Amino acid sequence: MDEGLNDPAAGLPRKKQSLILKTERKRMIRNLYERYRELINYLIVGGLTTVVSLGTYYGSVLTFLDPQNPIQLQAANILSWVCAVTFAYFANRIFVFRSENPDMVREAGGFVASRVGTLLMDMAIMFVTVTLLHMNDKIAKLIVQVVVTVANYVLSKFFVFNKKE
């Protein structure tokens, strides 16, 4: 069987073969992106939201809040949450779920309510891991971010930005 039958670049000069293969790879990547656009964009926005959250948290515990004090630990957590949720709402609305809901107040309210639920989850896990189990607060916060990111996607996709047709 001729192996060149399935290769669109077979029999062409090397430069043309290379160009065809690069174009084909770009097309495949573009198709994969289009197929998984929402999830890919969510992961990007989630990563950026994590940077906002961790940057705010670490900045506050390294400058003016003591993570060994349970009240100050939670204050740092809440501050990082407020900054992250504000960023996340607008980024998810625009880039991930492409919401066109004219009732932004209601949508934002649902977004904040879902995030309050995951904030309580975040605080509980931080309390258990740092205060009770004496885990390093920075490591605990990284673990919590993964759990919270997954929970936030599920809530956003199915409850907050759910397009009712």
C-alpha atoms as a PDB file:
ATOM      1  CA  MET A   1       0.000   0.000   0.000  1.00  0.00           C
ATOM      2  CA  ASP A   2       1.328   3.453  -0.858  1.00  0.00           C
ATOM      3  CA  GLU A   3       1.922   5.420   2.364  1.00  0.00           C
ATOM      4  CA  GLY A   4       1.780   8.728   0.484  1.00  0.00           C
ATOM      5  CA  LEU A   5      -1.973   8.374  -0.228  1.00  0.00           C
ATOM      6  CA  ASN A   6      -2.911   9.810   3.197  1.00  0.00           C
ATOM      7  CA  ASP A   7      -0.163  12.435   3.261  1.00  0.00           C
ATOM      8  CA  PRO A   8      -1.251  15.683   1.560  1.00  0.00           C
ATOM      9  CA  ALA A   9       2.400  16.788   1.370  1.00  0.00           C
ATOM     10  CA  ALA A  10       3.732  13.590  -0.234  1.00  0.00           C
ATOM     11  CA  GLY A  11       5.729  14.143  -3.420  1.00  0.00           C
ATOM     12  CA  LEU A  12       6.130  17.890  -2.880  1.00  0.00           C
ATOM     13  CA  PRO A  13       9.401  19.726  -2.260  1.00  0.00           C
ATOM     14  CA  ARG A  14      10.477  19.829   1.417  1.00  0.00           C
ATOM     15  CA  LYS A  15       9.620  23.529   1.910  1.00  0.00           C
ATOM     16  CA  LYS A  16       6.080  23.011   0.600  1.00  0.00           C
ATOM     17  CA  GLN A  17       5.721  19.836   2.684  1.00  0.00           C
ATOM     18  CA  SER A  18       6.774  21.752   5.782  1.00  0.00           C
ATOM     19  CA  LEU A  19       4.330  24.581   5.047  1.00  0.00           C
ATOM     20  CA  ILE A  20       1.461  22.152   4.474  1.00  0.00           C
ATOM     21  CA  LEU A  21       2.213  20.273   7.692  1.00  0.00           C
ATOM     22  CA  LYS A  22       2.433  23.521   9.709  1.00  0.00           C
ATOM     23  CA  THR A  23      -0.877  24.680   8.257  1.00  0.00           C
ATOM     24  CA  GLU A  24      -2.448  21.317   9.048  1.00  0.00           C
ATOM     25  CA  ARG A  25      -1.176  21.444  12.658  1.00  0.00           C
ATOM     26  CA  LYS A  26      -2.559  24.971  13.075  1.00  0.00           C
ATOM     27  CA  ARG A  27      -5.919  23.825  11.727  1.00  0.00           C
ATOM     28  CA  MET A  28      -5.976  20.869  14.137  1.00  0.00           C
ATOM     29  CA  ILE A  29      -5.075  23.097  17.094  1.00  0.00           C
ATOM     30  CA  ARG A  30      -7.735  25.633  16.072  1.00  0.00           C
ATOM     31  CA  ASN A  31     -10.327  22.836  15.793  1.00  0.00           C
ATOM     32  CA  LEU A  32      -9.392  21.510  19.234  1.00  0.00           C
ATOM     33  CA  TYR A  33      -9.600  25.016  20.690  1.00  0.00           C
ATOM     34  CA  GLU A  34     -13.029  25.602  19.133  1.00  0.00           C
ATOM     35  CA  ARG A  35     -14.257  22.259  20.413  1.00  0.00           C
ATOM     36  CA  TYR A  36     -13.059  22.921  23.982  1.00  0.00           C
ATOM     37  CA  ARG A  37     -13.091  26.752  23.924  1.00  0.00           C
ATOM     38  CA  GLU A  38     -15.179  27.204  27.052  1.00  0.00           C
ATOM     39  CA  LEU A  39     -13.113  24.823  29.159  1.00  0.00           C
ATOM     40  CA  ILE A  40      -9.788  26.166  27.869  1.00  0.00           C
ATOM     41  CA  ASN A  41     -10.860  29.767  28.475  1.00  0.00           C
ATOM     42  CA  TYR A  42     -12.159  28.807  31.925  1.00  0.00           C
ATOM     43  CA  LEU A  43      -8.794  27.301  32.809  1.00  0.00           C
ATOM     44  CA  ILE A  44      -6.997  30.431  31.591  1.00  0.00           C
ATOM     45  CA  VAL A  45      -9.365  32.745  33.489  1.00  0.00           C
ATOM     46  CA  GLY A  46      -9.160  30.401  36.488  1.00  0.00           C
ATOM     47  CA  GLY A  47      -5.380  30.610  36.375  1.00  0.00           C
ATOM     48  CA  LEU A  48      -5.500  34.386  36.230  1.00  0.00           C
ATOM     49  CA  THR A  49      -8.077  34.464  39.030  1.00  0.00           C
ATOM     50  CA  THR A  50      -5.790  32.233  41.079  1.00  0.00           C
ATOM     51  CA  VAL A  51      -2.946  34.698  40.504  1.00  0.00           C
ATOM     52  CA  VAL A  52      -5.193  37.532  41.730  1.00  0.00           C
ATOM     53  CA  SER A  53      -6.289  35.488  44.752  1.00  0.00           C
ATOM     54  CA  LEU A  54      -2.832  34.222  45.694  1.00  0.00           C
ATOM     55  CA  GLY A  55      -1.210  37.590  45.023  1.00  0.00           C
ATOM     56  CA  THR A  56      -3.694  39.308  47.313  1.00  0.00           C
ATOM     57  CA  TYR A  57      -3.413  36.594  49.980  1.00  0.00           C
ATOM     58  CA  TYR A  58       0.376  36.382  49.967  1.00  0.00           C
ATOM     59  CA  GLY A  59       0.725  40.147  49.760  1.00  0.00           C
ATOM     60  CA  SER A  60      -1.475  40.626  52.804  1.00  0.00           C
ATOM     61  CA  VAL A  61       0.108  37.887  54.969  1.00  0.00           C
ATOM     62  CA  LEU A  62       3.602  39.037  54.077  1.00  0.00           C
ATOM     63  CA  THR A  63       2.889  42.691  54.867  1.00  0.00           C
ATOM     64  CA  PHE A  64       0.117  43.349  57.368  1.00  0.00           C
ATOM     65  CA  LEU A  65      -1.763  40.179  58.419  1.00  0.00           C
ATOM     66  CA  ASP A  66      -0.437  37.292  60.543  1.00  0.00           C
ATOM     67  CA  PRO A  67      -1.545  33.868  59.227  1.00  0.00           C
ATOM     68  CA  GLN A  68      -0.817  32.310  62.640  1.00  0.00           C
ATOM     69  CA  ASN A  69      -3.661  34.388  64.099  1.00  0.00           C
ATOM     70  CA  PRO A  70      -6.891  32.576  63.083  1.00  0.00           C
ATOM     71  CA  ILE A  71      -8.859  35.830  62.677  1.00  0.00           C
ATOM     72  CA  GLN A  72      -6.158  37.461  60.557  1.00  0.00           C
ATOM     73  CA  LEU A  73      -5.803  34.271  58.516  1.00  0.00           C
ATOM     74  CA  GLN A  74      -9.480  34.476  57.609  1.00  0.00           C
ATOM     75  CA  ALA A  75      -9.240  38.238  56.951  1.00  0.00           C
ATOM     76  CA  ALA A  76      -6.478  37.557  54.429  1.00  0.00           C
ATOM     77  CA  ASN A  77      -8.609  34.830  52.911  1.00  0.00           C
ATOM     78  CA  ILE A  78     -11.670  37.082  52.612  1.00  0.00           C
ATOM     79  CA  LEU A  79      -9.640  39.933  51.099  1.00  0.00           C
ATOM     80  CA  SER A  80      -8.168  37.581  48.492  1.00  0.00           C
ATOM     81  CA  TRP A  81     -11.647  36.256  47.793  1.00  0.00           C
ATOM     82  CA  VAL A  82     -13.189  39.698  47.188  1.00  0.00           C
ATOM     83  CA  CYS A  83     -10.453  40.641  44.718  1.00  0.00           C
ATOM     84  CA  ALA A  84     -10.619  37.278  42.937  1.00  0.00           C
ATOM     85  CA  VAL A  85     -14.432  37.184  42.664  1.00  0.00           C
ATOM     86  CA  THR A  86     -14.605  40.690  41.235  1.00  0.00           C
ATOM     87  CA  PHE A  87     -12.042  39.804  38.575  1.00  0.00           C
ATOM     88  CA  ALA A  88     -13.596  36.371  37.924  1.00  0.00           C
ATOM     89  CA  TYR A  89     -17.139  37.616  37.357  1.00  0.00           C
ATOM     90  CA  PHE A  90     -16.192  39.989  34.572  1.00  0.00           C
ATOM     91  CA  ALA A  91     -13.634  37.636  32.991  1.00  0.00           C
ATOM     92  CA  ASN A  92     -16.049  34.678  33.032  1.00  0.00           C
ATOM     93  CA  ARG A  93     -18.933  36.763  31.736  1.00  0.00           C
ATOM     94  CA  ILE A  94     -16.912  38.130  28.817  1.00  0.00           C
ATOM     95  CA  PHE A  95     -14.343  35.479  27.877  1.00  0.00           C
ATOM     96  CA  VAL A  96     -15.632  32.124  29.098  1.00  0.00           C
ATOM     97  CA  PHE A  97     -19.409  31.976  28.996  1.00  0.00           C
ATOM     98  CA  ARG A  98     -19.921  34.960  26.644  1.00  0.00           C
ATOM     99  CA  SER A  99     -22.972  35.989  28.567  1.00  0.00           C
ATOM    100  CA  GLU A 100     -25.364  38.430  26.977  1.00  0.00           C
ATOM    101  CA  ASN A 101     -27.769  38.388  29.889  1.00  0.00           C
ATOM    102  CA  PRO A 102     -29.124  41.946  30.138  1.00  0.00           C
ATOM    103  CA  ASP A 103     -29.845  41.438  33.853  1.00  0.00           C
ATOM    104  CA  MET A 104     -26.253  41.776  35.059  1.00  0.00           C
ATOM    105  CA  VAL A 105     -27.367  42.538  38.614  1.00  0.00           C
ATOM    106  CA  ARG A 106     -29.189  39.225  38.925  1.00  0.00           C
ATOM    107  CA  GLU A 107     -26.399  37.346  37.156  1.00  0.00           C
ATOM    108  CA  ALA A 108     -23.717  38.956  39.328  1.00  0.00           C
ATOM    109  CA  GLY A 109     -25.823  38.193  42.403  1.00  0.00           C
ATOM    110  CA  GLY A 110     -25.967  34.515  41.439  1.00  0.00           C
ATOM    111  CA  PHE A 111     -22.245  34.559  40.762  1.00  0.00           C
ATOM    112  CA  VAL A 112     -21.469  36.103  44.147  1.00  0.00           C
ATOM    113  CA  ALA A 113     -23.867  33.698  45.924  1.00  0.00           C
ATOM    114  CA  SER A 114     -22.153  30.698  44.340  1.00  0.00           C
ATOM    115  CA  ARG A 115     -18.787  32.124  45.305  1.00  0.00           C
ATOM    116  CA  VAL A 116     -19.953  32.651  48.904  1.00  0.00           C
ATOM    117  CA  GLY A 117     -20.591  28.910  49.008  1.00  0.00           C
ATOM    118  CA  THR A 118     -17.107  28.131  47.774  1.00  0.00           C
ATOM    119  CA  LEU A 119     -15.656  30.790  50.102  1.00  0.00           C
ATOM    120  CA  LEU A 120     -17.181  28.941  53.054  1.00  0.00           C
ATOM    121  CA  MET A 121     -15.673  25.728  51.675  1.00  0.00           C
ATOM    122  CA  ASP A 122     -12.323  27.531  51.282  1.00  0.00           C
ATOM    123  CA  MET A 123     -12.438  28.885  54.840  1.00  0.00           C
ATOM    124  CA  ALA A 124     -13.363  25.513  56.312  1.00  0.00           C
ATOM    125  CA  ILE A 125     -10.524  23.747  54.511  1.00  0.00           C
ATOM    126  CA  MET A 126      -8.048  26.482  55.490  1.00  0.00           C
ATOM    127  CA  PHE A 127      -9.199  26.280  59.127  1.00  0.00           C
ATOM    128  CA  VAL A 128      -8.835  22.506  59.240  1.00  0.00           C
ATOM    129  CA  THR A 129      -5.507  22.337  57.385  1.00  0.00           C
ATOM    130  CA  VAL A 130      -3.751  25.351  58.939  1.00  0.00           C
ATOM    131  CA  THR A 131      -5.298  25.806  62.385  1.00  0.00           C
ATOM    132  CA  LEU A 132      -6.060  22.209  63.318  1.00  0.00           C
ATOM    133  CA  LEU A 133      -3.516  20.211  61.298  1.00  0.00           C
ATOM    134  CA  HIS A 134      -0.760  22.884  61.352  1.00  0.00           C
ATOM    135  CA  MET A 135      -0.106  22.617  57.626  1.00  0.00           C
ATOM    136  CA  ASN A 136       1.863  25.424  56.004  1.00  0.00           C
ATOM    137  CA  ASP A 137      -0.731  28.055  55.077  1.00  0.00           C
ATOM    138  CA  LYS A 138       0.759  28.692  51.632  1.00  0.00           C
ATOM    139  CA  ILE A 139       0.679  25.001  50.670  1.00  0.00           C
ATOM    140  CA  ALA A 140      -2.841  24.672  52.063  1.00  0.00           C
ATOM    141  CA  LYS A 141      -3.963  27.677  50.031  1.00  0.00           C
ATOM    142  CA  LEU A 142      -2.648  26.089  46.811  1.00  0.00           C
ATOM    143  CA  ILE A 143      -4.574  22.875  47.517  1.00  0.00           C
ATOM    144  CA  VAL A 144      -7.719  24.841  48.335  1.00  0.00           C
ATOM    145  CA  GLN A 145      -7.439  26.754  45.055  1.00  0.00           C
ATOM    146  CA  VAL A 146      -7.686  23.537  43.028  1.00  0.00           C
ATOM    147  CA  VAL A 147     -10.780  22.338  44.922  1.00  0.00           C
ATOM    148  CA  VAL A 148     -12.452  25.749  44.689  1.00  0.00           C
ATOM    149  CA  THR A 149     -11.677  26.146  40.958  1.00  0.00           C
ATOM    150  CA  VAL A 150     -13.466  22.899  40.104  1.00  0.00           C
ATOM    151  CA  ALA A 151     -16.473  23.778  42.289  1.00  0.00           C
ATOM    152  CA  ASN A 152     -16.666  27.266  40.777  1.00  0.00           C
ATOM    153  CA  TYR A 153     -16.722  25.917  37.201  1.00  0.00           C
ATOM    154  CA  VAL A 154     -19.588  23.566  37.953  1.00  0.00           C
ATOM    155  CA  LEU A 155     -21.613  26.295  39.664  1.00  0.00           C
ATOM    156  CA  SER A 156     -20.906  28.862  36.929  1.00  0.00           C
ATOM    157  CA  LYS A 157     -21.679  26.547  34.028  1.00  0.00           C
ATOM    158  CA  PHE A 158     -24.850  25.002  35.368  1.00  0.00           C
ATOM    159  CA  PHE A 159     -26.355  27.731  37.562  1.00  0.00           C
ATOM    160  CA  VAL A 160     -24.967  31.225  36.973  1.00  0.00           C
ATOM    161  CA  PHE A 161     -24.317  31.455  33.227  1.00  0.00           C
ATOM    162  CA  ASN A 162     -26.724  28.689  32.211  1.00  0.00           C
ATOM    163  CA  LYS A 163     -28.247  29.819  28.919  1.00  0.00           C
ATOM    164  CA  LYS A 164     -31.916  28.974  29.134  1.00  0.00           C
ATOM    165  CA  GLU A 165     -33.119  28.593  25.554  1.00  0.00           C
END
